[in-house]
Amino acid sequence: MTKNSNPAPASKWTGTVPVDDTALAVTDTGGPGIPVIYCNGQFATQGYWRRVIAALGPAYRHITFDERARGKSRRSADYSFEAAVRDVDAVSAARGVHRALLVGWSYGAVVAAHWADRNPDRAMGAVLVDGAFPYDWLDEAMEQRIRKLFKRLSWFTPLLRPTGLTPRMTAEQMAESNIELGKLSRERELGPLLDRSTVPVRYVVASGTSFGSRGDEQERIRTSLDGVCARNPNIRIGAKVAGNHGAILRKDFRAIADAVRQTAPAGDQHGSPSH
């Protein structure tokens, strides 16, 4: 199939996709629209996107999945960032999607940015929701703070695991994932990646604090976008919303849906080739 032809509409599908030593729970709404792959927050599940998906409606093909040990996906021996990027590849391949628009929140925004950078011919664009800010927020003191925070949480997170509200990961694994995110978010790491982006990128930026942040820490981190947007005309702030980091998908889903519409390539509203 050529890149300019349209595939037959995909069927609605829910199931598991094997990758490495695990299997990911995946939902694909199907239809002929542009495929949108959603990348979750660090310990979130695909259900967080339901309001955004409802706001966009059937004009788009929505593909969501639970990351390793989150939601209905199985445990793994590898919870690294590289594994998270590989999981996007696995899901897109399993669903026969060659080109897609990526939407990521928080940790998922960094995953989406990396995937788009590595696959510029396959990424139609990216919507980054209050994440992927190139800022040096991780130092030795912050690393210790993260470890202490997750150690404290370890007393009651096992009680919540049967509800699906927390991942089936140890406190140490969760802390290491958060610390790795801090390293990847450093200006010297993430800045050049964003500067060379050739696909349209829209940020939806929250206000106030995020889990574990203090005072105006999060707002200072968000100011790093000013330089990014000044250097690369492909990147814009689509909206600055009132909701905080944790509530943005619930309270500001319309702004996220608008950013998806802004980013979707004109004239390509009926899907992309699957091969």
C-alpha atoms as a PDB file:
ATOM      1  CA  MET A   1       0.000   0.000   0.000  1.00  0.00           C
ATOM      2  CA  THR A   2       1.376   3.416  -0.916  1.00  0.00           C
ATOM      3  CA  LYS A   3       1.785   6.211   1.552  1.00  0.00           C
ATOM      4  CA  ASN A   4      -0.876   8.330  -0.166  1.00  0.00           C
ATOM      5  CA  SER A   5      -3.599   5.681  -0.166  1.00  0.00           C
ATOM      6  CA  ASN A   6      -6.161   5.183   2.550  1.00  0.00           C
ATOM      7  CA  PRO A   7      -6.531   1.800   4.244  1.00  0.00           C
ATOM      8  CA  ALA A   8      -9.824   0.111   4.918  1.00  0.00           C
ATOM      9  CA  PRO A   9     -11.337   1.280   8.209  1.00  0.00           C
ATOM     10  CA  ALA A  10      -9.912  -0.641  11.141  1.00  0.00           C
ATOM     11  CA  SER A  11     -12.243  -2.692  13.296  1.00  0.00           C
ATOM     12  CA  LYS A  12     -12.804  -1.948  16.957  1.00  0.00           C
ATOM     13  CA  TRP A  13     -10.543  -4.170  19.033  1.00  0.00           C
ATOM     14  CA  THR A  14      -9.624  -4.847  22.656  1.00  0.00           C
ATOM     15  CA  GLY A  15      -6.958  -7.355  23.638  1.00  0.00           C
ATOM     16  CA  THR A  16      -3.346  -7.862  24.633  1.00  0.00           C
ATOM     17  CA  VAL A  17      -0.169  -7.218  22.681  1.00  0.00           C
ATOM     18  CA  PRO A  18       2.907  -9.298  23.607  1.00  0.00           C
ATOM     19  CA  VAL A  19       6.212  -7.454  23.873  1.00  0.00           C
ATOM     20  CA  ASP A  20       9.461  -8.643  25.483  1.00  0.00           C
ATOM     21  CA  ASP A  21       8.523 -10.552  28.654  1.00  0.00           C
ATOM     22  CA  THR A  22       5.111  -8.986  29.113  1.00  0.00           C
ATOM     23  CA  ALA A  23       1.755  -8.303  27.452  1.00  0.00           C
ATOM     24  CA  LEU A  24       0.059  -4.924  27.181  1.00  0.00           C
ATOM     25  CA  ALA A  25      -3.682  -4.326  27.461  1.00  0.00           C
ATOM     26  CA  VAL A  26      -4.715  -2.354  24.364  1.00  0.00           C
ATOM     27  CA  THR A  27      -7.934  -0.715  23.177  1.00  0.00           C
ATOM     28  CA  ASP A  28      -8.429   0.427  19.564  1.00  0.00           C
ATOM     29  CA  THR A  29     -11.686   2.226  18.713  1.00  0.00           C
ATOM     30  CA  GLY A  30     -11.152   1.520  15.024  1.00  0.00           C
ATOM     31  CA  GLY A  31     -12.685   3.556  12.228  1.00  0.00           C
ATOM     32  CA  PRO A  32     -11.203   5.423   9.247  1.00  0.00           C
ATOM     33  CA  GLY A  33      -9.899   8.484  11.093  1.00  0.00           C
ATOM     34  CA  ILE A  34      -6.374   9.598  11.918  1.00  0.00           C
ATOM     35  CA  PRO A  35      -4.810   7.150  14.398  1.00  0.00           C
ATOM     36  CA  VAL A  36      -4.064   8.784  17.739  1.00  0.00           C
ATOM     37  CA  ILE A  37      -1.820   6.835  20.129  1.00  0.00           C
ATOM     38  CA  TYR A  38      -2.065   7.931  23.750  1.00  0.00           C
ATOM     39  CA  CYS A  39       0.932   7.677  26.108  1.00  0.00           C
ATOM     40  CA  ASN A  40      -0.049   7.593  29.773  1.00  0.00           C
ATOM     41  CA  GLY A  41       1.303   9.334  32.813  1.00  0.00           C
ATOM     42  CA  GLN A  42       4.013   7.439  34.644  1.00  0.00           C
ATOM     43  CA  PHE A  43       1.743   5.310  36.836  1.00  0.00           C
ATOM     44  CA  ALA A  44      -1.589   5.999  35.140  1.00  0.00           C
ATOM     45  CA  THR A  45      -3.826   3.807  32.980  1.00  0.00           C
ATOM     46  CA  GLN A  46      -5.531   4.175  29.619  1.00  0.00           C
ATOM     47  CA  GLY A  47      -8.807   5.032  31.318  1.00  0.00           C
ATOM     48  CA  TYR A  48      -7.513   8.526  32.096  1.00  0.00           C
ATOM     49  CA  TRP A  49      -8.039   9.500  28.437  1.00  0.00           C
ATOM     50  CA  ARG A  50     -11.762   8.796  28.262  1.00  0.00           C
ATOM     51  CA  ARG A  51     -12.865  12.439  28.380  1.00  0.00           C
ATOM     52  CA  VAL A  52     -10.368  13.506  25.711  1.00  0.00           C
ATOM     53  CA  ILE A  53     -11.484  10.629  23.484  1.00  0.00           C
ATOM     54  CA  ALA A  54     -15.147  11.498  23.970  1.00  0.00           C
ATOM     55  CA  ALA A  55     -14.467  15.146  23.111  1.00  0.00           C
ATOM     56  CA  LEU A  56     -12.683  14.197  19.876  1.00  0.00           C
ATOM     57  CA  GLY A  57     -15.256  11.594  18.921  1.00  0.00           C
ATOM     58  CA  PRO A  58     -15.269   9.082  16.057  1.00  0.00           C
ATOM     59  CA  ALA A  59     -13.497  11.399  13.606  1.00  0.00           C
ATOM     60  CA  TYR A  60     -10.285   9.921  15.038  1.00  0.00           C
ATOM     61  CA  ARG A  61      -9.093   6.376  15.636  1.00  0.00           C
ATOM     62  CA  HIS A  62      -8.118   6.220  19.317  1.00  0.00           C
ATOM     63  CA  ILE A  63      -5.509   3.693  20.479  1.00  0.00           C
ATOM     64  CA  THR A  64      -4.838   3.466  24.208  1.00  0.00           C
ATOM     65  CA  PHE A  65      -2.864   0.980  26.257  1.00  0.00           C
ATOM     66  CA  ASP A  66      -1.709   0.251  29.778  1.00  0.00           C
ATOM     67  CA  GLU A  67       2.030   0.340  30.315  1.00  0.00           C
ATOM     68  CA  ARG A  68       3.875  -2.544  31.969  1.00  0.00           C
ATOM     69  CA  ALA A  69       2.444  -3.459  35.387  1.00  0.00           C
ATOM     70  CA  ARG A  70      -0.151  -0.708  35.077  1.00  0.00           C
ATOM     71  CA  GLY A  71      -3.864  -1.305  34.664  1.00  0.00           C
ATOM     72  CA  LYS A  72      -4.503  -4.689  33.055  1.00  0.00           C
ATOM     73  CA  SER A  73      -1.014  -5.145  31.603  1.00  0.00           C
ATOM     74  CA  ARG A  74       1.324  -7.759  32.986  1.00  0.00           C
ATOM     75  CA  ARG A  75       4.454  -7.272  35.053  1.00  0.00           C
ATOM     76  CA  SER A  76       7.896  -7.108  33.455  1.00  0.00           C
ATOM     77  CA  ALA A  77      11.547  -7.233  34.410  1.00  0.00           C
ATOM     78  CA  ASP A  78      12.103  -3.979  32.503  1.00  0.00           C
ATOM     79  CA  TYR A  79      10.409  -0.713  33.458  1.00  0.00           C
ATOM     80  CA  SER A  80      12.948   1.528  31.754  1.00  0.00           C
ATOM     81  CA  PHE A  81      12.137   4.500  29.577  1.00  0.00           C
ATOM     82  CA  GLU A  82      13.514   2.659  26.543  1.00  0.00           C
ATOM     83  CA  ALA A  83      11.024  -0.130  27.231  1.00  0.00           C
ATOM     84  CA  ALA A  84       8.217   2.447  27.257  1.00  0.00           C
ATOM     85  CA  VAL A  85       9.270   3.742  23.831  1.00  0.00           C
ATOM     86  CA  ARG A  86       9.497   0.163  22.510  1.00  0.00           C
ATOM     87  CA  ASP A  87       5.976  -0.429  23.739  1.00  0.00           C
ATOM     88  CA  VAL A  88       4.670   2.330  21.443  1.00  0.00           C
ATOM     89  CA  ASP A  89       6.374   0.528  18.552  1.00  0.00           C
ATOM     90  CA  ALA A  90       4.853  -2.786  19.617  1.00  0.00           C
ATOM     91  CA  VAL A  91       1.332  -1.383  19.890  1.00  0.00           C
ATOM     92  CA  SER A  92       1.488   0.493  16.575  1.00  0.00           C
ATOM     93  CA  ALA A  93       2.867  -2.585  14.787  1.00  0.00           C
ATOM     94  CA  ALA A  94       0.250  -4.885  16.314  1.00  0.00           C
ATOM     95  CA  ARG A  95      -2.548  -2.571  15.213  1.00  0.00           C
ATOM     96  CA  GLY A  96      -1.114  -2.076  11.713  1.00  0.00           C
ATOM     97  CA  VAL A  97      -0.532   1.653  12.134  1.00  0.00           C
ATOM     98  CA  HIS A  98       2.312   3.149  10.129  1.00  0.00           C
ATOM     99  CA  ARG A  99       1.658   6.834  10.848  1.00  0.00           C
ATOM    100  CA  ALA A 100       0.003   8.298  13.919  1.00  0.00           C
ATOM    101  CA  LEU A 101      -0.437  11.399  16.010  1.00  0.00           C
ATOM    102  CA  LEU A 102       1.015  10.961  19.515  1.00  0.00           C
ATOM    103  CA  VAL A 103      -0.615  12.413  22.628  1.00  0.00           C
ATOM    104  CA  GLY A 104       1.249  12.096  25.909  1.00  0.00           C
ATOM    105  CA  TRP A 105       0.664  13.330  29.437  1.00  0.00           C
ATOM    106  CA  SER A 106       3.466  13.888  31.978  1.00  0.00           C
ATOM    107  CA  TYR A 107       5.879  10.932  31.624  1.00  0.00           C
ATOM    108  CA  GLY A 108       3.980   9.992  28.472  1.00  0.00           C
ATOM    109  CA  ALA A 109       4.760  13.396  26.974  1.00  0.00           C
ATOM    110  CA  VAL A 110       8.470  12.567  27.131  1.00  0.00           C
ATOM    111  CA  VAL A 111       7.771   9.151  25.604  1.00  0.00           C
ATOM    112  CA  ALA A 112       5.787  10.801  22.796  1.00  0.00           C
ATOM    113  CA  ALA A 113       8.519  13.381  22.168  1.00  0.00           C
ATOM    114  CA  HIS A 114      11.179  10.676  21.920  1.00  0.00           C
ATOM    115  CA  TRP A 115       9.062   8.482  19.656  1.00  0.00           C
ATOM    116  CA  ALA A 116       8.343  11.408  17.312  1.00  0.00           C
ATOM    117  CA  ASP A 117      12.044  12.309  17.241  1.00  0.00           C
ATOM    118  CA  ARG A 118      13.027   8.756  16.312  1.00  0.00           C
ATOM    119  CA  ASN A 119      10.219   8.351  13.786  1.00  0.00           C
ATOM    120  CA  PRO A 120       9.788  11.701  12.015  1.00  0.00           C
ATOM    121  CA  ASP A 121       8.363  10.000   8.925  1.00  0.00           C
ATOM    122  CA  ARG A 122       5.753   8.178  11.013  1.00  0.00           C
ATOM    123  CA  ALA A 123       4.744  10.892  13.484  1.00  0.00           C
ATOM    124  CA  MET A 124       2.021  13.187  12.169  1.00  0.00           C
ATOM    125  CA  GLY A 125       2.603  15.375  15.194  1.00  0.00           C
ATOM    126  CA  ALA A 126       2.596  15.341  18.977  1.00  0.00           C
ATOM    127  CA  VAL A 127       0.453  16.871  21.690  1.00  0.00           C
ATOM    128  CA  LEU A 128       2.425  17.078  24.936  1.00  0.00           C
ATOM    129  CA  VAL A 129       0.264  17.550  28.018  1.00  0.00           C
ATOM    130  CA  ASP A 130       2.089  19.173  30.929  1.00  0.00           C
ATOM    131  CA  GLY A 131       5.286  17.218  30.363  1.00  0.00           C
ATOM    132  CA  ALA A 132       8.496  17.125  28.323  1.00  0.00           C
ATOM    133  CA  PHE A 133       9.881  20.340  29.803  1.00  0.00           C
ATOM    134  CA  PRO A 134      13.662  20.635  29.286  1.00  0.00           C
ATOM    135  CA  TYR A 135      14.707  21.701  32.768  1.00  0.00           C
ATOM    136  CA  ASP A 136      17.316  20.513  35.267  1.00  0.00           C
ATOM    137  CA  TRP A 137      15.022  19.698  38.169  1.00  0.00           C
ATOM    138  CA  LEU A 138      16.890  16.588  39.314  1.00  0.00           C
ATOM    139  CA  ASP A 139      19.814  17.054  41.670  1.00  0.00           C
ATOM    140  CA  GLU A 140      21.123  14.903  44.508  1.00  0.00           C
ATOM    141  CA  ALA A 141      18.711  16.407  47.014  1.00  0.00           C
ATOM    142  CA  MET A 142      15.737  15.828  44.709  1.00  0.00           C
ATOM    143  CA  GLU A 143      16.828  12.253  44.077  1.00  0.00           C
ATOM    144  CA  GLN A 144      16.842  11.573  47.817  1.00  0.00           C
ATOM    145  CA  ARG A 145      13.469  13.259  48.149  1.00  0.00           C
ATOM    146  CA  ILE A 146      12.019  10.967  45.478  1.00  0.00           C
ATOM    147  CA  ARG A 147      13.386   7.850  47.146  1.00  0.00           C
ATOM    148  CA  LYS A 148      11.967   8.881  50.538  1.00  0.00           C
ATOM    149  CA  LEU A 149       8.594   9.724  49.026  1.00  0.00           C
ATOM    150  CA  PHE A 150       8.139   6.335  47.363  1.00  0.00           C
ATOM    151  CA  LYS A 151       9.457   4.548  50.433  1.00  0.00           C
ATOM    152  CA  ARG A 152       6.729   6.218  52.494  1.00  0.00           C
ATOM    153  CA  LEU A 153       4.108   5.327  49.890  1.00  0.00           C
ATOM    154  CA  SER A 154       5.184   1.680  49.960  1.00  0.00           C
ATOM    155  CA  TRP A 155       3.312   1.179  53.227  1.00  0.00           C
ATOM    156  CA  PHE A 156      -0.124   1.521  51.617  1.00  0.00           C
ATOM    157  CA  THR A 157       0.283   1.136  47.822  1.00  0.00           C
ATOM    158  CA  PRO A 158      -0.048  -2.690  48.079  1.00  0.00           C
ATOM    159  CA  LEU A 159      -3.512  -2.153  49.543  1.00  0.00           C
ATOM    160  CA  LEU A 160      -4.538  -0.158  46.465  1.00  0.00           C
ATOM    161  CA  ARG A 161      -3.127  -2.520  43.846  1.00  0.00           C
ATOM    162  CA  PRO A 162      -6.259  -4.698  43.618  1.00  0.00           C
ATOM    163  CA  THR A 163      -8.211  -1.550  42.668  1.00  0.00           C
ATOM    164  CA  GLY A 164      -5.875  -0.779  39.760  1.00  0.00           C
ATOM    165  CA  LEU A 165      -5.082   2.654  41.189  1.00  0.00           C
ATOM    166  CA  THR A 166      -1.385   1.916  41.662  1.00  0.00           C
ATOM    167  CA  PRO A 167       1.072  -0.041  39.509  1.00  0.00           C
ATOM    168  CA  ARG A 168       2.252  -3.518  40.397  1.00  0.00           C
ATOM    169  CA  MET A 169       5.773  -2.219  40.906  1.00  0.00           C
ATOM    170  CA  THR A 170       7.940  -1.951  44.004  1.00  0.00           C
ATOM    171  CA  ALA A 171       8.635   1.406  45.629  1.00  0.00           C
ATOM    172  CA  GLU A 172      12.221   1.155  44.433  1.00  0.00           C
ATOM    173  CA  GLN A 173      11.144   0.505  40.851  1.00  0.00           C
ATOM    174  CA  MET A 174       8.804   3.489  40.907  1.00  0.00           C
ATOM    175  CA  ALA A 175      11.495   5.726  42.370  1.00  0.00           C
ATOM    176  CA  GLU A 176      14.046   4.612  39.769  1.00  0.00           C
ATOM    177  CA  SER A 177      11.563   5.339  36.988  1.00  0.00           C
ATOM    178  CA  ASN A 178      11.002   8.839  38.344  1.00  0.00           C
ATOM    179  CA  ILE A 179      14.732   9.484  38.707  1.00  0.00           C
ATOM    180  CA  GLU A 180      15.353   8.285  35.153  1.00  0.00           C
ATOM    181  CA  LEU A 181      12.708  10.735  33.980  1.00  0.00           C
ATOM    182  CA  GLY A 182      14.567  13.538  35.742  1.00  0.00           C
ATOM    183  CA  LYS A 183      17.773  12.655  33.921  1.00  0.00           C
ATOM    184  CA  LEU A 184      16.018  12.512  30.556  1.00  0.00           C
ATOM    185  CA  SER A 185      14.352  15.867  31.226  1.00  0.00           C
ATOM    186  CA  ARG A 186      17.604  17.768  31.705  1.00  0.00           C
ATOM    187  CA  GLU A 187      18.004  20.693  29.346  1.00  0.00           C
ATOM    188  CA  ARG A 188      21.073  19.196  27.669  1.00  0.00           C
ATOM    189  CA  GLU A 189      19.171  15.950  27.036  1.00  0.00           C
ATOM    190  CA  LEU A 190      15.661  17.043  26.071  1.00  0.00           C
ATOM    191  CA  GLY A 191      16.425  20.505  24.685  1.00  0.00           C
ATOM    192  CA  PRO A 192      18.288  19.375  21.534  1.00  0.00           C
ATOM    193  CA  LEU A 193      15.635  16.740  20.827  1.00  0.00           C
ATOM    194  CA  LEU A 194      12.898  19.387  20.818  1.00  0.00           C
ATOM    195  CA  ASP A 195      15.019  21.871  18.876  1.00  0.00           C
ATOM    196  CA  ARG A 196      15.362  19.473  15.951  1.00  0.00           C
ATOM    197  CA  SER A 197      11.683  18.483  15.805  1.00  0.00           C
ATOM    198  CA  THR A 198      10.301  18.654  12.282  1.00  0.00           C
ATOM    199  CA  VAL A 199       6.746  17.624  13.165  1.00  0.00           C
ATOM    200  CA  PRO A 200       4.072  19.945  14.593  1.00  0.00           C
ATOM    201  CA  VAL A 201       4.079  19.893  18.395  1.00  0.00           C
ATOM    202  CA  ARG A 202       1.492  21.524  20.639  1.00  0.00           C
ATOM    203  CA  TYR A 203       1.868  21.799  24.397  1.00  0.00           C
ATOM    204  CA  VAL A 204      -1.072  21.987  26.766  1.00  0.00           C
ATOM    205  CA  VAL A 205       0.319  23.416  29.982  1.00  0.00           C
ATOM    206  CA  ALA A 206      -1.260  23.087  33.426  1.00  0.00           C
ATOM    207  CA  SER A 207      -1.033  25.504  36.336  1.00  0.00           C
ATOM    208  CA  GLY A 208       0.086  25.096  39.919  1.00  0.00           C
ATOM    209  CA  THR A 209       1.717  22.089  41.521  1.00  0.00           C
ATOM    210  CA  SER A 210       2.174  18.448  40.641  1.00  0.00           C
ATOM    211  CA  PHE A 211       2.497  15.427  42.926  1.00  0.00           C
ATOM    212  CA  GLY A 212       5.639  15.804  45.002  1.00  0.00           C
ATOM    213  CA  SER A 213       6.431  19.374  43.922  1.00  0.00           C
ATOM    214  CA  ARG A 214       6.739  22.306  46.313  1.00  0.00           C
ATOM    215  CA  GLY A 215       5.918  25.983  46.029  1.00  0.00           C
ATOM    216  CA  ASP A 216       6.448  27.322  42.524  1.00  0.00           C
ATOM    217  CA  GLU A 217       8.794  24.511  41.409  1.00  0.00           C
ATOM    218  CA  GLN A 218       6.459  23.286  38.705  1.00  0.00           C
ATOM    219  CA  GLU A 219       5.786  26.758  37.315  1.00  0.00           C
ATOM    220  CA  ARG A 220       9.536  27.403  37.057  1.00  0.00           C
ATOM    221  CA  ILE A 221       9.944  24.153  35.142  1.00  0.00           C
ATOM    222  CA  ARG A 222       7.208  25.180  32.707  1.00  0.00           C
ATOM    223  CA  THR A 223       8.997  28.431  31.811  1.00  0.00           C
ATOM    224  CA  SER A 224      11.578  26.365  29.918  1.00  0.00           C
ATOM    225  CA  LEU A 225       9.092  26.208  27.039  1.00  0.00           C
ATOM    226  CA  ASP A 226       9.641  29.882  26.240  1.00  0.00           C
ATOM    227  CA  GLY A 227      13.075  29.173  24.797  1.00  0.00           C
ATOM    228  CA  VAL A 228      11.899  26.010  23.037  1.00  0.00           C
ATOM    229  CA  CYS A 229       9.111  27.825  21.204  1.00  0.00           C
ATOM    230  CA  ALA A 230      11.415  30.719  20.319  1.00  0.00           C
ATOM    231  CA  ARG A 231      13.956  28.374  18.715  1.00  0.00           C
ATOM    232  CA  ASN A 232      11.638  26.011  16.840  1.00  0.00           C
ATOM    233  CA  PRO A 233       8.581  27.328  14.949  1.00  0.00           C
ATOM    234  CA  ASN A 234       7.127  23.796  14.790  1.00  0.00           C
ATOM    235  CA  ILE A 235       6.533  23.903  18.548  1.00  0.00           C
ATOM    236  CA  ARG A 236       3.823  26.060  20.125  1.00  0.00           C
ATOM    237  CA  ILE A 237       1.932  26.304  23.382  1.00  0.00           C
ATOM    238  CA  GLY A 238      -1.604  25.400  22.387  1.00  0.00           C
ATOM    239  CA  ALA A 239      -3.130  26.352  25.733  1.00  0.00           C
ATOM    240  CA  LYS A 240      -2.275  27.286  29.304  1.00  0.00           C
ATOM    241  CA  VAL A 241      -5.114  25.946  31.439  1.00  0.00           C
ATOM    242  CA  ALA A 242      -6.274  26.438  35.007  1.00  0.00           C
ATOM    243  CA  GLY A 243      -6.201  22.784  36.020  1.00  0.00           C
ATOM    244  CA  ASN A 244      -3.199  21.452  37.906  1.00  0.00           C
ATOM    245  CA  HIS A 245      -0.985  18.613  36.715  1.00  0.00           C
ATOM    246  CA  GLY A 246      -3.033  15.804  38.214  1.00  0.00           C
ATOM    247  CA  ALA A 247      -6.430  17.163  37.162  1.00  0.00           C
ATOM    248  CA  ILE A 248      -5.659  18.348  33.632  1.00  0.00           C
ATOM    249  CA  LEU A 249      -7.040  15.306  31.788  1.00  0.00           C
ATOM    250  CA  ARG A 250     -10.224  15.479  33.834  1.00  0.00           C
ATOM    251  CA  LYS A 251     -10.840  19.231  33.877  1.00  0.00           C
ATOM    252  CA  ASP A 252      -9.185  20.518  30.710  1.00  0.00           C
ATOM    253  CA  PHE A 253      -9.907  17.724  28.248  1.00  0.00           C
ATOM    254  CA  ARG A 254     -11.474  20.173  25.776  1.00  0.00           C
ATOM    255  CA  ALA A 255      -8.220  22.124  25.504  1.00  0.00           C
ATOM    256  CA  ILE A 256      -6.346  18.872  24.858  1.00  0.00           C
ATOM    257  CA  ALA A 257      -8.864  17.868  22.197  1.00  0.00           C
ATOM    258  CA  ASP A 258      -8.465  21.293  20.551  1.00  0.00           C
ATOM    259  CA  ALA A 259      -4.673  20.828  20.508  1.00  0.00           C
ATOM    260  CA  VAL A 260      -5.118  17.466  18.759  1.00  0.00           C
ATOM    261  CA  ARG A 261      -7.284  19.131  16.111  1.00  0.00           C
ATOM    262  CA  GLN A 262      -4.672  21.877  15.651  1.00  0.00           C
ATOM    263  CA  THR A 263      -1.916  19.305  15.223  1.00  0.00           C
ATOM    264  CA  ALA A 264      -3.724  16.876  12.925  1.00  0.00           C
ATOM    265  CA  PRO A 265      -2.471  17.339   9.359  1.00  0.00           C
ATOM    266  CA  ALA A 266      -4.892  19.172   7.088  1.00  0.00           C
ATOM    267  CA  GLY A 267      -6.315  17.050   4.312  1.00  0.00           C
ATOM    268  CA  ASP A 268      -5.522  13.794   6.124  1.00  0.00           C
ATOM    269  CA  GLN A 269      -8.667  13.418   8.175  1.00  0.00           C
ATOM    270  CA  HIS A 270      -9.458   9.900   6.983  1.00  0.00           C
ATOM    271  CA  GLY A 271      -6.589   7.917   8.332  1.00  0.00           C
ATOM    272  CA  SER A 272      -3.147   6.892   7.290  1.00  0.00           C
ATOM    273  CA  PRO A 273      -1.760   3.905   5.462  1.00  0.00           C
ATOM    274  CA  SER A 274      -1.255   0.853   7.608  1.00  0.00           C
ATOM    275  CA  HIS A 275       1.745  -0.384   5.636  1.00  0.00           C
END
